[in-house]
Structures are given as C-alpha cells and as structure tokens.
Amino acid sequence: MIVDDEANTEDDFSMFVKALDDRDAVQKVREYLRTQAPNVAGRMVGRVVIQGIEKRDTPQ
C-alpha cells in the first residue's frame, strides 16, 4: 500500500515477484516502486507499507 499523509489517501495493490526470502521480496517491491510509482522531484509520493507476504508453492 502507498500511503499519502498529506492527501489522506491509501492506494492498495498486489504484486508478484520471485524472491529468495521475505527480505529479498521486500527489497524488490521497494525498488520497483521507487522507480515506477508516481513521484515529485524524484521522490515518491507517500510512503510504502507492506502488509503481508504470501508464499506460493512451486511445482516440482
């Protein structure tokens, strides 16, 4: 979720990434948002709040 305290808004979204562990998943999501989310003067509008990480079983 991206939270903008000034506008009092919350934008919810889901994202699927392949990661080694939870920490790697968080880093990948933050990096993606840093480069792709709306920004003003190079700074992301709002802050990122990661509410949960869901693991999916991989078929063998």
C-alpha atoms as a PDB file:
ATOM      1  CA  MET A   1       0.000   0.000   0.000  1.00  0.00           C
ATOM      2  CA  ILE A   2       1.191   3.524  -0.698  1.00  0.00           C
ATOM      3  CA  VAL A   3       0.057   5.980   1.971  1.00  0.00           C
ATOM      4  CA  ASP A   4      -0.013   9.726   1.297  1.00  0.00           C
ATOM      5  CA  ASP A   5      -0.449  11.529   4.627  1.00  0.00           C
ATOM      6  CA  GLU A   6      -0.886  14.958   3.018  1.00  0.00           C
ATOM      7  CA  ALA A   7      -3.780  13.903   0.781  1.00  0.00           C
ATOM      8  CA  ASN A   8      -5.011  11.361   3.351  1.00  0.00           C
ATOM      9  CA  THR A   9      -5.146   8.574   0.747  1.00  0.00           C
ATOM     10  CA  GLU A  10      -4.160   4.915   0.609  1.00  0.00           C
ATOM     11  CA  ASP A  11      -3.548   3.109  -2.702  1.00  0.00           C
ATOM     12  CA  ASP A  12      -3.730  -0.660  -2.324  1.00  0.00           C
ATOM     13  CA  PHE A  13      -2.107  -3.044  -4.788  1.00  0.00           C
ATOM     14  CA  SER A  14      -0.735  -6.562  -5.105  1.00  0.00           C
ATOM     15  CA  MET A  15       2.495  -7.547  -6.768  1.00  0.00           C
ATOM     16  CA  PHE A  16       4.010 -10.916  -7.634  1.00  0.00           C
ATOM     17  CA  VAL A  17       7.801 -11.290  -7.511  1.00  0.00           C
ATOM     18  CA  LYS A  18      10.192 -14.206  -7.461  1.00  0.00           C
ATOM     19  CA  ALA A  19      12.418 -13.867  -4.408  1.00  0.00           C
ATOM     20  CA  LEU A  20      14.844 -15.867  -2.298  1.00  0.00           C
ATOM     21  CA  ASP A  21      13.180 -14.937   1.004  1.00  0.00           C
ATOM     22  CA  ASP A  22      10.885 -12.318   2.601  1.00  0.00           C
ATOM     23  CA  ARG A  23      13.637  -9.712   2.837  1.00  0.00           C
ATOM     24  CA  ASP A  24      14.512 -10.107  -0.847  1.00  0.00           C
ATOM     25  CA  ALA A  25      10.815  -9.767  -1.761  1.00  0.00           C
ATOM     26  CA  VAL A  26      10.515  -6.526   0.227  1.00  0.00           C
ATOM     27  CA  GLN A  27      13.642  -5.111  -1.413  1.00  0.00           C
ATOM     28  CA  LYS A  28      12.359  -5.953  -4.900  1.00  0.00           C
ATOM     29  CA  VAL A  29       8.969  -4.343  -4.265  1.00  0.00           C
ATOM     30  CA  ARG A  30      10.509  -1.188  -2.796  1.00  0.00           C
ATOM     31  CA  GLU A  31      12.950  -0.890  -5.713  1.00  0.00           C
ATOM     32  CA  TYR A  32      10.130  -1.316  -8.226  1.00  0.00           C
ATOM     33  CA  LEU A  33       8.024   1.345  -6.507  1.00  0.00           C
ATOM     34  CA  ARG A  34      10.980   3.703  -6.198  1.00  0.00           C
ATOM     35  CA  THR A  35      11.443   3.653  -9.967  1.00  0.00           C
ATOM     36  CA  GLN A  36       7.852   3.198 -11.186  1.00  0.00           C
ATOM     37  CA  ALA A  37       5.476   4.845  -8.690  1.00  0.00           C
ATOM     38  CA  PRO A  38       4.302   8.442  -9.144  1.00  0.00           C
ATOM     39  CA  ASN A  39       6.897  10.888  -7.868  1.00  0.00           C
ATOM     40  CA  VAL A  40       7.505  14.585  -7.379  1.00  0.00           C
ATOM     41  CA  ALA A  41      11.032  15.877  -7.982  1.00  0.00           C
ATOM     42  CA  GLY A  42      12.369  12.316  -7.871  1.00  0.00           C
ATOM     43  CA  ARG A  43      10.733  11.466  -4.543  1.00  0.00           C
ATOM     44  CA  MET A  44       7.884   9.004  -4.280  1.00  0.00           C
ATOM     45  CA  VAL A  45       4.539  10.480  -3.313  1.00  0.00           C
ATOM     46  CA  GLY A  46       3.721   8.922   0.062  1.00  0.00           C
ATOM     47  CA  ARG A  47       5.293   6.020   1.897  1.00  0.00           C
ATOM     48  CA  VAL A  48       5.220   2.277   1.316  1.00  0.00           C
ATOM     49  CA  VAL A  49       3.545  -0.021   3.843  1.00  0.00           C
ATOM     50  CA  ILE A  50       3.959  -3.746   3.186  1.00  0.00           C
ATOM     51  CA  GLN A  51       1.056  -5.513   4.853  1.00  0.00           C
ATOM     52  CA  GLY A  52       1.979  -9.102   4.146  1.00  0.00           C
ATOM     53  CA  ILE A  53       3.950 -11.541   2.082  1.00  0.00           C
ATOM     54  CA  GLU A  54       2.234 -14.611   0.714  1.00  0.00           C
ATOM     55  CA  LYS A  55       4.357 -17.569  -0.301  1.00  0.00           C
ATOM     56  CA  ARG A  56       3.254 -19.805  -3.148  1.00  0.00           C
ATOM     57  CA  ASP A  57       4.279 -23.434  -3.516  1.00  0.00           C
ATOM     58  CA  THR A  58       6.396 -24.126  -6.557  1.00  0.00           C
ATOM     59  CA  PRO A  59       5.509 -27.188  -8.642  1.00  0.00           C
ATOM     60  CA  GLN A  60       8.230 -29.810  -8.776  1.00  0.00           C
END
